[in-house]
Amino acid sequence: MAVKDCGHHKDKKKELIKKILIGIAIILAILVLLILILWAIFRPKSPRFILQDATVYTFNLTGPAELTSIIQATVQAKNPNDRVGVYYSHMITYATYCDQQITLPTGIPPTYMDSNGMDIWSPFLRGDSVPIAPYIGAQLNQDRSIGVIRIVVKLDGQVRWKVGSLITGLYGIRVSCPAVIPFGGNDANNGVLVANNAVKYSLVQGCSVSV
């Protein structure tokens, strides 16, 4: 009888463990389904960016294959989501010309943007005697003779989404803002002359965003 009772005891224990595991699996499945439903409801839209203007202090060849540029870009960032906030962290911005980076990266302080929030960033982008490929110098001279310089202001970093009290992990974000700057014989005719002979150009150019 003792042997039979022991075996019966083991069967009950196995059955209890099986029921507990099934219960845990059901709870986990419900939680996953709930998270998926909430994500489908509150799925965040990518932030929107507009390059409002650019103030050019200098943009010149300082050698056969060296470019010096100082530009202040004004970028508007907007959160289009009704119920989702966004944290920006580790954001940097820089300028490129002919697909080559021509300024050092400038950091943007960590920022939280509430639902439907908006912020303005105005970083200085600077590159002193940056080495460039010889063909880029030739392209710059050609563009200046035409009267139009095309640069791209880029922002790279990471974001977190906030839904209620839930904060997601980090997602990479890449922003690309093309700027067509009308360099003419008299820059003041194309923009607004400001201090230190710098010229401010109004652009209001939409940016592409990848998250």
N, C-alpha and C. Protein backbone atom coordinates (compact mmCIF):
# COMPACT_ATOMS: atom_id res chain seq x y z
N MET A 1 0.83 -1.22 0.00
CA MET A 1 0.00 0.00 0.00
C MET A 1 0.86 1.27 0.00
N ALA A 2 1.96 1.24 0.73
CA ALA A 2 2.85 2.40 0.82
C ALA A 2 3.41 2.75 -0.55
N VAL A 3 3.74 1.68 -1.33
CA VAL A 3 4.30 1.92 -2.67
C VAL A 3 3.26 2.56 -3.57
N LYS A 4 2.01 2.06 -3.50
CA LYS A 4 0.93 2.60 -4.33
C LYS A 4 0.64 4.05 -3.96
N ASP A 5 0.59 4.35 -2.66
CA ASP A 5 0.34 5.72 -2.22
C ASP A 5 1.41 6.66 -2.72
N CYS A 6 2.66 6.20 -2.69
CA CYS A 6 3.79 7.02 -3.15
C CYS A 6 3.65 7.32 -4.64
N GLY A 7 3.29 6.32 -5.43
CA GLY A 7 3.11 6.52 -6.86
C GLY A 7 1.95 7.46 -7.15
N HIS A 8 0.88 7.31 -6.40
CA HIS A 8 -0.29 8.17 -6.56
C HIS A 8 0.07 9.62 -6.23
N HIS A 9 0.90 9.78 -5.20
CA HIS A 9 1.36 11.09 -4.77
C HIS A 9 2.16 11.78 -5.88
N LYS A 10 3.04 11.00 -6.55
CA LYS A 10 3.85 11.53 -7.63
C LYS A 10 3.00 11.96 -8.82
N ASP A 11 1.99 11.14 -9.12
CA ASP A 11 1.10 11.48 -10.24
C ASP A 11 0.37 12.80 -9.98
N LYS A 12 -0.09 12.97 -8.74
CA LYS A 12 -0.80 14.20 -8.38
C LYS A 12 0.14 15.42 -8.49
N LYS A 13 1.38 15.21 -8.07
CA LYS A 13 2.37 16.29 -8.12
C LYS A 13 2.66 16.69 -9.57
N LYS A 14 2.82 15.68 -10.45
CA LYS A 14 3.06 15.95 -11.87
C LYS A 14 1.88 16.68 -12.49
N GLU A 15 0.69 16.25 -12.14
CA GLU A 15 -0.51 16.87 -12.69
C GLU A 15 -0.63 18.32 -12.23
N LEU A 16 -0.26 18.57 -10.95
CA LEU A 16 -0.31 19.93 -10.42
C LEU A 16 0.70 20.84 -11.14
N ILE A 17 1.92 20.32 -11.34
CA ILE A 17 2.94 21.09 -12.06
C ILE A 17 2.51 21.39 -13.48
N LYS A 18 1.88 20.39 -14.12
CA LYS A 18 1.39 20.57 -15.49
C LYS A 18 0.35 21.67 -15.56
N LYS A 19 -0.58 21.68 -14.58
CA LYS A 19 -1.63 22.70 -14.55
C LYS A 19 -1.03 24.08 -14.31
N ILE A 20 -0.02 24.15 -13.44
CA ILE A 20 0.63 25.44 -13.16
C ILE A 20 1.32 25.98 -14.42
N LEU A 21 2.02 25.09 -15.14
CA LEU A 21 2.70 25.51 -16.37
C LEU A 21 1.72 25.97 -17.43
N ILE A 22 0.61 25.24 -17.55
CA ILE A 22 -0.43 25.64 -18.51
C ILE A 22 -0.99 27.00 -18.14
N GLY A 23 -1.23 27.22 -16.82
CA GLY A 23 -1.75 28.50 -16.35
C GLY A 23 -0.79 29.65 -16.66
N ILE A 24 0.51 29.41 -16.42
CA ILE A 24 1.51 30.44 -16.71
C ILE A 24 1.55 30.75 -18.20
N ALA A 25 1.48 29.69 -19.04
CA ALA A 25 1.50 29.88 -20.49
C ALA A 25 0.29 30.70 -20.95
N ILE A 26 -0.87 30.42 -20.37
CA ILE A 26 -2.09 31.17 -20.74
C ILE A 26 -1.95 32.64 -20.35
N ILE A 27 -1.43 32.89 -19.14
CA ILE A 27 -1.25 34.27 -18.67
C ILE A 27 -0.28 35.02 -19.57
N LEU A 28 0.84 34.37 -19.92
CA LEU A 28 1.82 35.00 -20.81
C LEU A 28 1.23 35.29 -22.18
N ALA A 29 0.43 34.35 -22.69
CA ALA A 29 -0.20 34.55 -24.00
C ALA A 29 -1.16 35.74 -23.96
N ILE A 30 -1.90 35.87 -22.86
CA ILE A 30 -2.83 36.99 -22.71
C ILE A 30 -2.07 38.31 -22.64
N LEU A 31 -0.96 38.31 -21.89
CA LEU A 31 -0.15 39.52 -21.77
C LEU A 31 0.42 39.94 -23.12
N VAL A 32 0.95 38.96 -23.86
CA VAL A 32 1.50 39.27 -25.18
C VAL A 32 0.42 39.82 -26.10
N LEU A 33 -0.76 39.18 -26.08
CA LEU A 33 -1.88 39.65 -26.91
C LEU A 33 -2.29 41.06 -26.51
N LEU A 34 -2.32 41.33 -25.20
CA LEU A 34 -2.70 42.66 -24.72
C LEU A 34 -1.69 43.71 -25.18
N ILE A 35 -0.41 43.37 -25.10
CA ILE A 35 0.63 44.30 -25.54
C ILE A 35 0.51 44.58 -27.03
N LEU A 36 0.24 43.53 -27.83
CA LEU A 36 0.08 43.71 -29.27
C LEU A 36 -1.12 44.58 -29.61
N ILE A 37 -2.21 44.38 -28.85
CA ILE A 37 -3.41 45.19 -29.08
C ILE A 37 -3.14 46.65 -28.74
N LEU A 38 -2.48 46.88 -27.59
CA LEU A 38 -2.15 48.25 -27.19
C LEU A 38 -1.20 48.90 -28.19
N TRP A 39 -0.22 48.13 -28.69
CA TRP A 39 0.72 48.67 -29.67
C TRP A 39 0.00 49.02 -30.96
N ALA A 40 -0.96 48.18 -31.36
CA ALA A 40 -1.72 48.46 -32.58
C ALA A 40 -2.55 49.74 -32.42
N ILE A 41 -3.07 49.96 -31.19
CA ILE A 41 -3.90 51.15 -30.94
C ILE A 41 -3.04 52.41 -30.86
N PHE A 42 -1.93 52.30 -30.11
CA PHE A 42 -1.09 53.47 -29.85
C PHE A 42 0.18 53.50 -30.70
N ARG A 43 0.22 52.70 -31.75
CA ARG A 43 1.43 52.62 -32.55
C ARG A 43 1.91 54.01 -32.95
N PRO A 44 3.11 54.38 -32.54
CA PRO A 44 3.55 55.76 -32.77
C PRO A 44 3.90 56.04 -34.22
N LYS A 45 3.56 57.26 -34.63
CA LYS A 45 3.99 57.76 -35.93
C LYS A 45 5.38 58.37 -35.77
N SER A 46 6.16 58.33 -36.82
CA SER A 46 7.50 58.91 -36.77
C SER A 46 7.42 60.42 -36.55
N PRO A 47 8.35 60.97 -35.77
CA PRO A 47 8.39 62.43 -35.61
C PRO A 47 8.55 63.12 -36.95
N ARG A 48 8.13 64.36 -37.02
CA ARG A 48 8.25 65.15 -38.24
C ARG A 48 9.25 66.29 -38.02
N PHE A 49 10.03 66.55 -39.04
CA PHE A 49 11.06 67.58 -38.95
C PHE A 49 10.95 68.53 -40.14
N ILE A 50 11.21 69.80 -39.87
CA ILE A 50 11.25 70.82 -40.92
C ILE A 50 12.51 71.66 -40.71
N LEU A 51 13.29 71.80 -41.77
CA LEU A 51 14.44 72.71 -41.73
C LEU A 51 13.91 74.10 -42.06
N GLN A 52 13.80 74.94 -41.02
CA GLN A 52 13.18 76.25 -41.21
C GLN A 52 14.09 77.24 -41.92
N ASP A 53 15.34 77.31 -41.49
CA ASP A 53 16.26 78.26 -42.11
C ASP A 53 17.69 77.83 -41.84
N ALA A 54 18.61 78.48 -42.54
CA ALA A 54 20.04 78.23 -42.35
C ALA A 54 20.77 79.56 -42.46
N THR A 55 21.60 79.84 -41.47
CA THR A 55 22.43 81.04 -41.50
C THR A 55 23.85 80.63 -41.84
N VAL A 56 24.35 81.13 -42.97
CA VAL A 56 25.68 80.75 -43.45
C VAL A 56 26.67 81.83 -43.08
N TYR A 57 27.64 81.48 -42.23
CA TYR A 57 28.69 82.40 -41.83
C TYR A 57 29.89 82.30 -42.78
N THR A 58 30.21 81.10 -43.16
CA THR A 58 31.26 80.91 -44.16
C THR A 58 31.06 79.55 -44.83
N PHE A 59 31.40 79.49 -46.10
CA PHE A 59 31.32 78.25 -46.87
C PHE A 59 32.27 78.40 -48.03
N ASN A 60 33.56 78.14 -47.79
CA ASN A 60 34.58 78.42 -48.78
C ASN A 60 35.67 77.36 -48.79
N LEU A 61 36.29 77.23 -49.95
CA LEU A 61 37.48 76.39 -50.05
C LEU A 61 38.64 77.14 -49.40
N THR A 62 39.35 76.48 -48.48
CA THR A 62 40.50 77.09 -47.83
C THR A 62 41.79 76.43 -48.32
N GLY A 63 41.67 75.61 -49.33
CA GLY A 63 42.81 74.93 -49.93
C GLY A 63 42.30 74.17 -51.14
N PRO A 64 43.17 73.60 -51.94
CA PRO A 64 42.72 72.85 -53.12
C PRO A 64 41.75 71.72 -52.77
N ALA A 65 41.93 71.14 -51.59
CA ALA A 65 41.05 70.03 -51.19
C ALA A 65 40.66 70.17 -49.72
N GLU A 66 40.32 71.42 -49.33
CA GLU A 66 39.89 71.69 -47.96
C GLU A 66 38.70 72.65 -47.98
N LEU A 67 37.71 72.35 -47.13
CA LEU A 67 36.50 73.18 -47.07
C LEU A 67 36.27 73.64 -45.63
N THR A 68 36.02 74.92 -45.47
CA THR A 68 35.67 75.48 -44.17
C THR A 68 34.23 75.98 -44.23
N SER A 69 33.42 75.55 -43.29
CA SER A 69 32.02 75.97 -43.28
C SER A 69 31.54 76.18 -41.85
N ILE A 70 30.77 77.23 -41.66
CA ILE A 70 30.09 77.51 -40.39
C ILE A 70 28.64 77.83 -40.73
N ILE A 71 27.74 76.99 -40.27
CA ILE A 71 26.32 77.14 -40.60
C ILE A 71 25.50 76.94 -39.32
N GLN A 72 24.53 77.80 -39.10
CA GLN A 72 23.56 77.58 -38.02
C GLN A 72 22.24 77.17 -38.64
N ALA A 73 21.79 75.97 -38.31
CA ALA A 73 20.54 75.44 -38.87
C ALA A 73 19.44 75.52 -37.83
N THR A 74 18.26 75.90 -38.25
CA THR A 74 17.10 75.92 -37.36
C THR A 74 16.15 74.81 -37.79
N VAL A 75 15.98 73.82 -36.91
CA VAL A 75 15.17 72.64 -37.22
C VAL A 75 13.99 72.57 -36.26
N GLN A 76 12.82 72.40 -36.83
CA GLN A 76 11.61 72.21 -36.01
C GLN A 76 11.31 70.71 -35.92
N ALA A 77 11.16 70.22 -34.69
CA ALA A 77 10.80 68.82 -34.47
C ALA A 77 9.40 68.77 -33.87
N LYS A 78 8.55 67.90 -34.42
CA LYS A 78 7.17 67.81 -33.94
C LYS A 78 6.79 66.36 -33.71
N ASN A 79 6.09 66.11 -32.60
CA ASN A 79 5.55 64.79 -32.30
C ASN A 79 4.10 64.76 -32.76
N PRO A 80 3.76 64.00 -33.81
CA PRO A 80 2.41 64.00 -34.36
C PRO A 80 1.43 63.08 -33.63
N ASN A 81 1.89 62.39 -32.59
CA ASN A 81 1.06 61.40 -31.91
C ASN A 81 0.16 62.03 -30.84
N ASP A 82 -1.07 61.53 -30.76
CA ASP A 82 -2.04 62.04 -29.79
C ASP A 82 -1.84 61.48 -28.39
N ARG A 83 -1.37 60.23 -28.28
CA ARG A 83 -1.29 59.59 -26.97
C ARG A 83 0.11 59.09 -26.63
N VAL A 84 1.07 59.40 -27.47
CA VAL A 84 2.42 58.86 -27.30
C VAL A 84 3.44 59.99 -27.19
N GLY A 85 4.26 59.95 -26.13
CA GLY A 85 5.35 60.89 -25.98
C GLY A 85 6.62 60.30 -26.56
N VAL A 86 7.63 61.13 -26.76
CA VAL A 86 8.89 60.64 -27.33
C VAL A 86 10.07 61.28 -26.61
N TYR A 87 11.02 60.43 -26.21
CA TYR A 87 12.27 60.89 -25.63
C TYR A 87 13.35 60.86 -26.71
N TYR A 88 14.07 61.96 -26.88
CA TYR A 88 15.22 62.00 -27.78
C TYR A 88 16.49 61.91 -26.94
N SER A 89 17.38 61.00 -27.31
CA SER A 89 18.64 60.88 -26.57
C SER A 89 19.77 60.59 -27.56
N HIS A 90 20.97 60.99 -27.19
CA HIS A 90 22.17 60.75 -28.01
C HIS A 90 22.02 61.32 -29.43
N MET A 91 21.37 62.47 -29.55
CA MET A 91 21.17 63.07 -30.87
C MET A 91 22.38 63.92 -31.27
N ILE A 92 22.81 63.76 -32.51
CA ILE A 92 23.86 64.61 -33.07
C ILE A 92 23.38 65.13 -34.43
N THR A 93 23.96 66.25 -34.84
CA THR A 93 23.61 66.81 -36.14
C THR A 93 24.89 67.27 -36.84
N TYR A 94 24.89 67.20 -38.16
CA TYR A 94 26.05 67.59 -38.95
C TYR A 94 25.57 67.89 -40.37
N ALA A 95 26.47 68.46 -41.16
CA ALA A 95 26.11 68.80 -42.55
C ALA A 95 26.95 67.98 -43.51
N THR A 96 26.35 67.67 -44.66
CA THR A 96 27.07 66.96 -45.72
C THR A 96 26.94 67.74 -47.02
N TYR A 97 27.94 67.55 -47.86
CA TYR A 97 27.91 68.13 -49.20
C TYR A 97 28.46 67.08 -50.15
N CYS A 98 27.72 66.80 -51.21
CA CYS A 98 28.11 65.74 -52.16
C CYS A 98 28.35 64.42 -51.42
N ASP A 99 27.48 64.12 -50.46
CA ASP A 99 27.53 62.86 -49.69
C ASP A 99 28.76 62.74 -48.80
N GLN A 100 29.47 63.84 -48.56
CA GLN A 100 30.61 63.81 -47.64
C GLN A 100 30.31 64.72 -46.45
N GLN A 101 30.60 64.21 -45.25
CA GLN A 101 30.42 65.01 -44.04
C GLN A 101 31.42 66.15 -44.05
N ILE A 102 30.92 67.39 -43.86
CA ILE A 102 31.80 68.56 -43.95
C ILE A 102 31.88 69.33 -42.64
N THR A 103 31.13 68.91 -41.61
CA THR A 103 31.22 69.55 -40.30
C THR A 103 31.36 68.49 -39.21
N LEU A 104 31.89 68.92 -38.08
CA LEU A 104 31.94 68.03 -36.93
C LEU A 104 30.53 67.80 -36.40
N PRO A 105 30.27 66.66 -35.76
CA PRO A 105 28.94 66.44 -35.18
C PRO A 105 28.70 67.36 -33.98
N THR A 106 27.53 67.94 -33.91
CA THR A 106 27.13 68.80 -32.81
C THR A 106 26.04 68.08 -32.01
N GLY A 107 26.24 67.96 -30.71
CA GLY A 107 25.26 67.26 -29.87
C GLY A 107 24.04 68.11 -29.58
N ILE A 108 22.89 67.45 -29.48
CA ILE A 108 21.64 68.09 -29.08
C ILE A 108 21.25 67.54 -27.72
N PRO A 109 20.98 68.40 -26.72
CA PRO A 109 20.66 67.92 -25.37
C PRO A 109 19.45 66.97 -25.38
N PRO A 110 19.44 65.95 -24.50
CA PRO A 110 18.28 65.05 -24.41
C PRO A 110 16.99 65.84 -24.21
N THR A 111 15.96 65.43 -24.92
CA THR A 111 14.70 66.18 -24.93
C THR A 111 13.52 65.23 -24.81
N TYR A 112 12.50 65.62 -24.03
CA TYR A 112 11.24 64.88 -24.01
C TYR A 112 10.18 65.74 -24.68
N MET A 113 9.43 65.12 -25.59
CA MET A 113 8.37 65.82 -26.30
C MET A 113 7.05 65.10 -26.04
N ASP A 114 6.14 65.80 -25.39
CA ASP A 114 4.84 65.21 -25.07
C ASP A 114 4.01 65.03 -26.34
N SER A 115 2.87 64.37 -26.20
CA SER A 115 2.00 64.14 -27.36
C SER A 115 1.66 65.47 -28.02
N ASN A 116 1.78 65.50 -29.34
CA ASN A 116 1.54 66.70 -30.16
C ASN A 116 2.45 67.86 -29.77
N GLY A 117 3.58 67.55 -29.13
CA GLY A 117 4.52 68.59 -28.73
C GLY A 117 5.41 69.02 -29.88
N MET A 118 6.08 70.15 -29.69
CA MET A 118 6.95 70.69 -30.73
C MET A 118 8.14 71.38 -30.07
N ASP A 119 9.29 71.32 -30.71
CA ASP A 119 10.49 71.97 -30.19
C ASP A 119 11.29 72.52 -31.36
N ILE A 120 12.15 73.51 -31.07
CA ILE A 120 13.01 74.12 -32.08
C ILE A 120 14.46 73.93 -31.64
N TRP A 121 15.28 73.42 -32.55
CA TRP A 121 16.71 73.27 -32.29
C TRP A 121 17.48 74.15 -33.27
N SER A 122 18.51 74.84 -32.77
CA SER A 122 19.30 75.73 -33.62
C SER A 122 20.79 75.48 -33.41
N PRO A 123 21.28 74.32 -33.82
CA PRO A 123 22.69 74.00 -33.61
C PRO A 123 23.61 74.71 -34.60
N PHE A 124 24.84 74.99 -34.13
CA PHE A 124 25.89 75.48 -35.01
C PHE A 124 26.64 74.28 -35.58
N LEU A 125 26.85 74.27 -36.87
CA LEU A 125 27.57 73.21 -37.56
C LEU A 125 28.86 73.80 -38.10
N ARG A 126 29.98 73.26 -37.66
CA ARG A 126 31.26 73.88 -38.01
C ARG A 126 32.27 72.85 -38.46
N GLY A 127 32.97 73.18 -39.54
CA GLY A 127 34.08 72.35 -40.01
C GLY A 127 35.20 73.25 -40.50
N ASP A 128 36.36 73.16 -39.86
CA ASP A 128 37.51 74.01 -40.22
C ASP A 128 38.50 73.23 -41.07
N SER A 129 38.69 73.68 -42.29
CA SER A 129 39.65 73.07 -43.21
C SER A 129 39.49 71.54 -43.27
N VAL A 130 38.26 71.13 -43.52
CA VAL A 130 37.95 69.70 -43.60
C VAL A 130 38.48 69.14 -44.93
N PRO A 131 39.28 68.07 -44.90
CA PRO A 131 39.76 67.48 -46.15
C PRO A 131 38.60 66.95 -46.99
N ILE A 132 38.61 67.26 -48.26
CA ILE A 132 37.56 66.79 -49.17
C ILE A 132 38.22 66.20 -50.41
N ALA A 133 37.47 65.36 -51.11
CA ALA A 133 37.97 64.79 -52.36
C ALA A 133 38.12 65.90 -53.40
N PRO A 134 39.11 65.82 -54.25
CA PRO A 134 39.34 66.88 -55.25
C PRO A 134 38.12 67.19 -56.10
N TYR A 135 37.33 66.16 -56.45
CA TYR A 135 36.17 66.40 -57.31
C TYR A 135 35.12 67.24 -56.59
N ILE A 136 35.10 67.20 -55.23
CA ILE A 136 34.12 67.99 -54.49
C ILE A 136 34.46 69.47 -54.59
N GLY A 137 35.76 69.80 -54.56
CA GLY A 137 36.16 71.19 -54.75
C GLY A 137 35.75 71.71 -56.11
N ALA A 138 35.93 70.88 -57.13
CA ALA A 138 35.53 71.27 -58.48
C ALA A 138 34.01 71.45 -58.57
N GLN A 139 33.26 70.55 -57.90
CA GLN A 139 31.80 70.63 -57.89
C GLN A 139 31.34 71.90 -57.19
N LEU A 140 32.02 72.25 -56.09
CA LEU A 140 31.65 73.46 -55.35
C LEU A 140 31.83 74.70 -56.21
N ASN A 141 32.95 74.79 -56.92
CA ASN A 141 33.18 75.95 -57.80
C ASN A 141 32.11 76.01 -58.89
N GLN A 142 31.72 74.84 -59.40
CA GLN A 142 30.69 74.81 -60.44
C GLN A 142 29.33 75.25 -59.87
N ASP A 143 29.00 74.76 -58.67
CA ASP A 143 27.72 75.13 -58.05
C ASP A 143 27.67 76.62 -57.74
N ARG A 144 28.79 77.16 -57.26
CA ARG A 144 28.80 78.59 -56.95
C ARG A 144 28.63 79.43 -58.21
N SER A 145 29.18 78.95 -59.31
CA SER A 145 29.03 79.70 -60.56
C SER A 145 27.57 79.66 -61.03
N ILE A 146 26.89 78.55 -60.75
CA ILE A 146 25.47 78.44 -61.09
C ILE A 146 24.63 79.30 -60.15
N GLY A 147 25.08 79.38 -58.88
CA GLY A 147 24.36 80.20 -57.91
C GLY A 147 23.55 79.41 -56.91
N VAL A 148 23.75 78.08 -56.86
CA VAL A 148 22.98 77.25 -55.92
C VAL A 148 23.89 76.20 -55.28
N ILE A 149 23.86 76.15 -53.96
CA ILE A 149 24.61 75.13 -53.23
C ILE A 149 23.61 74.20 -52.55
N ARG A 150 23.79 72.90 -52.73
CA ARG A 150 22.89 71.92 -52.12
C ARG A 150 23.64 71.18 -51.01
N ILE A 151 23.24 71.42 -49.78
CA ILE A 151 23.80 70.69 -48.65
C ILE A 151 22.68 69.90 -47.98
N VAL A 152 23.04 68.99 -47.12
CA VAL A 152 22.06 68.21 -46.38
C VAL A 152 22.40 68.29 -44.89
N VAL A 153 21.45 68.73 -44.10
CA VAL A 153 21.60 68.74 -42.63
C VAL A 153 21.03 67.42 -42.11
N LYS A 154 21.86 66.67 -41.38
CA LYS A 154 21.44 65.35 -40.90
C LYS A 154 21.42 65.30 -39.39
N LEU A 155 20.48 64.52 -38.86
CA LEU A 155 20.39 64.27 -37.43
C LEU A 155 20.32 62.77 -37.21
N ASP A 156 21.18 62.27 -36.37
CA ASP A 156 21.19 60.84 -36.02
C ASP A 156 21.08 60.71 -34.51
N GLY A 157 20.39 59.67 -34.05
CA GLY A 157 20.30 59.47 -32.61
C GLY A 157 19.41 58.31 -32.26
N GLN A 158 18.84 58.36 -31.06
CA GLN A 158 17.97 57.30 -30.57
C GLN A 158 16.76 57.91 -29.87
N VAL A 159 15.63 57.21 -29.97
CA VAL A 159 14.40 57.67 -29.33
C VAL A 159 13.76 56.54 -28.52
N ARG A 160 12.99 56.94 -27.53
CA ARG A 160 12.14 56.02 -26.77
C ARG A 160 10.71 56.53 -26.86
N TRP A 161 9.75 55.60 -26.95
CA TRP A 161 8.34 55.99 -26.96
C TRP A 161 7.77 55.83 -25.55
N LYS A 162 6.87 56.74 -25.17
CA LYS A 162 6.22 56.68 -23.86
C LYS A 162 4.72 56.60 -24.06
N VAL A 163 4.13 55.49 -23.62
CA VAL A 163 2.68 55.28 -23.70
C VAL A 163 2.18 55.11 -22.27
N GLY A 164 1.49 56.11 -21.73
CA GLY A 164 1.10 56.06 -20.32
C GLY A 164 2.35 56.04 -19.45
N SER A 165 2.46 55.01 -18.60
CA SER A 165 3.66 54.86 -17.77
C SER A 165 4.67 53.91 -18.40
N LEU A 166 4.33 53.35 -19.56
CA LEU A 166 5.22 52.41 -20.24
C LEU A 166 6.19 53.16 -21.15
N ILE A 167 7.49 52.85 -21.00
CA ILE A 167 8.53 53.45 -21.84
C ILE A 167 9.25 52.32 -22.58
N THR A 168 9.32 52.43 -23.89
CA THR A 168 9.92 51.38 -24.71
C THR A 168 11.44 51.43 -24.65
N GLY A 169 12.07 50.46 -25.31
CA GLY A 169 13.51 50.47 -25.47
C GLY A 169 13.93 51.51 -26.50
N LEU A 170 15.22 51.56 -26.78
CA LEU A 170 15.76 52.55 -27.71
C LEU A 170 15.56 52.14 -29.17
N TYR A 171 15.19 53.10 -29.99
CA TYR A 171 15.06 52.91 -31.43
C TYR A 171 15.96 53.94 -32.13
N GLY A 172 16.68 53.51 -33.14
CA GLY A 172 17.51 54.44 -33.91
C GLY A 172 16.66 55.35 -34.77
N ILE A 173 17.07 56.60 -34.90
CA ILE A 173 16.36 57.55 -35.76
C ILE A 173 17.38 58.28 -36.64
N ARG A 174 17.04 58.43 -37.91
CA ARG A 174 17.90 59.14 -38.87
C ARG A 174 17.04 60.16 -39.62
N VAL A 175 17.50 61.40 -39.60
CA VAL A 175 16.76 62.49 -40.24
C VAL A 175 17.66 63.14 -41.28
N SER A 176 17.09 63.41 -42.43
CA SER A 176 17.85 64.02 -43.53
C SER A 176 17.08 65.23 -44.07
N CYS A 177 17.70 66.42 -43.96
CA CYS A 177 17.03 67.66 -44.36
C CYS A 177 17.81 68.33 -45.50
N PRO A 178 17.36 68.20 -46.73
CA PRO A 178 18.06 68.86 -47.84
C PRO A 178 17.85 70.38 -47.79
N ALA A 179 18.91 71.11 -48.11
CA ALA A 179 18.84 72.57 -48.11
C ALA A 179 19.41 73.08 -49.43
N VAL A 180 18.59 73.78 -50.17
CA VAL A 180 19.03 74.41 -51.43
C VAL A 180 19.27 75.88 -51.13
N ILE A 181 20.54 76.26 -51.08
CA ILE A 181 20.91 77.62 -50.68
C ILE A 181 21.32 78.42 -51.91
N PRO A 182 20.62 79.52 -52.18
CA PRO A 182 20.88 80.30 -53.40
C PRO A 182 22.05 81.25 -53.25
N PHE A 183 23.25 80.75 -53.44
CA PHE A 183 24.43 81.61 -53.44
C PHE A 183 24.48 82.37 -54.76
N GLY A 184 24.30 83.66 -54.68
CA GLY A 184 24.39 84.45 -55.90
C GLY A 184 25.56 85.41 -55.84
N GLY A 185 25.62 86.30 -56.82
CA GLY A 185 26.68 87.30 -56.81
C GLY A 185 26.56 88.20 -55.61
N ASN A 186 25.31 88.47 -55.20
CA ASN A 186 25.06 89.28 -54.01
C ASN A 186 24.16 88.47 -53.09
N ASP A 187 24.78 87.82 -52.09
CA ASP A 187 24.02 86.91 -51.22
C ASP A 187 22.89 87.62 -50.49
N ALA A 188 23.06 88.91 -50.22
CA ALA A 188 22.04 89.64 -49.48
C ALA A 188 20.73 89.71 -50.24
N ASN A 189 20.78 89.57 -51.59
CA ASN A 189 19.55 89.59 -52.38
C ASN A 189 18.76 88.30 -52.22
N ASN A 190 19.43 87.25 -51.79
CA ASN A 190 18.78 85.95 -51.66
C ASN A 190 18.40 85.62 -50.22
N GLY A 191 18.99 86.32 -49.28
CA GLY A 191 18.72 86.07 -47.88
C GLY A 191 18.74 87.37 -47.11
N VAL A 192 18.80 87.25 -45.78
CA VAL A 192 18.82 88.43 -44.91
C VAL A 192 20.21 88.55 -44.32
N LEU A 193 20.85 89.69 -44.55
CA LEU A 193 22.18 89.92 -44.02
C LEU A 193 22.09 90.14 -42.52
N VAL A 194 22.86 89.37 -41.75
CA VAL A 194 22.86 89.50 -40.29
C VAL A 194 24.28 89.84 -39.84
N ALA A 195 24.52 89.74 -38.54
CA ALA A 195 25.81 90.15 -37.99
C ALA A 195 26.96 89.35 -38.59
N ASN A 196 28.14 89.97 -38.58
CA ASN A 196 29.37 89.32 -39.05
C ASN A 196 29.29 88.88 -40.51
N ASN A 197 28.54 89.64 -41.31
CA ASN A 197 28.41 89.37 -42.75
C ASN A 197 27.82 87.99 -43.06
N ALA A 198 27.15 87.41 -42.08
CA ALA A 198 26.45 86.15 -42.33
C ALA A 198 25.13 86.42 -43.03
N VAL A 199 24.64 85.41 -43.76
CA VAL A 199 23.37 85.56 -44.48
C VAL A 199 22.40 84.46 -44.01
N LYS A 200 21.21 84.87 -43.64
CA LYS A 200 20.18 83.93 -43.17
C LYS A 200 19.21 83.65 -44.30
N TYR A 201 19.06 82.35 -44.64
CA TYR A 201 18.18 81.93 -45.72
C TYR A 201 16.96 81.22 -45.16
N SER A 202 15.77 81.68 -45.53
CA SER A 202 14.54 81.00 -45.14
C SER A 202 14.31 79.83 -46.09
N LEU A 203 14.13 78.61 -45.53
CA LEU A 203 14.04 77.41 -46.35
C LEU A 203 12.69 76.71 -46.22
N VAL A 204 12.24 76.46 -44.98
CA VAL A 204 11.00 75.73 -44.71
C VAL A 204 10.94 74.46 -45.56
N GLN A 205 11.92 73.61 -45.36
CA GLN A 205 12.08 72.39 -46.15
C GLN A 205 11.78 71.16 -45.29
N GLY A 206 10.87 70.31 -45.76
CA GLY A 206 10.56 69.06 -45.05
C GLY A 206 11.74 68.10 -45.06
N CYS A 207 11.81 67.26 -44.06
CA CYS A 207 12.93 66.30 -43.91
C CYS A 207 12.40 64.87 -43.98
N SER A 208 13.23 63.98 -44.47
CA SER A 208 12.88 62.56 -44.44
C SER A 208 13.31 61.97 -43.11
N VAL A 209 12.48 61.06 -42.57
CA VAL A 209 12.72 60.49 -41.24
C VAL A 209 12.64 58.97 -41.33
N SER A 210 13.61 58.30 -40.72
CA SER A 210 13.61 56.85 -40.65
C SER A 210 13.83 56.41 -39.21
N VAL A 211 12.87 55.63 -38.68
CA VAL A 211 12.96 55.13 -37.30
C VAL A 211 12.99 53.62 -37.35
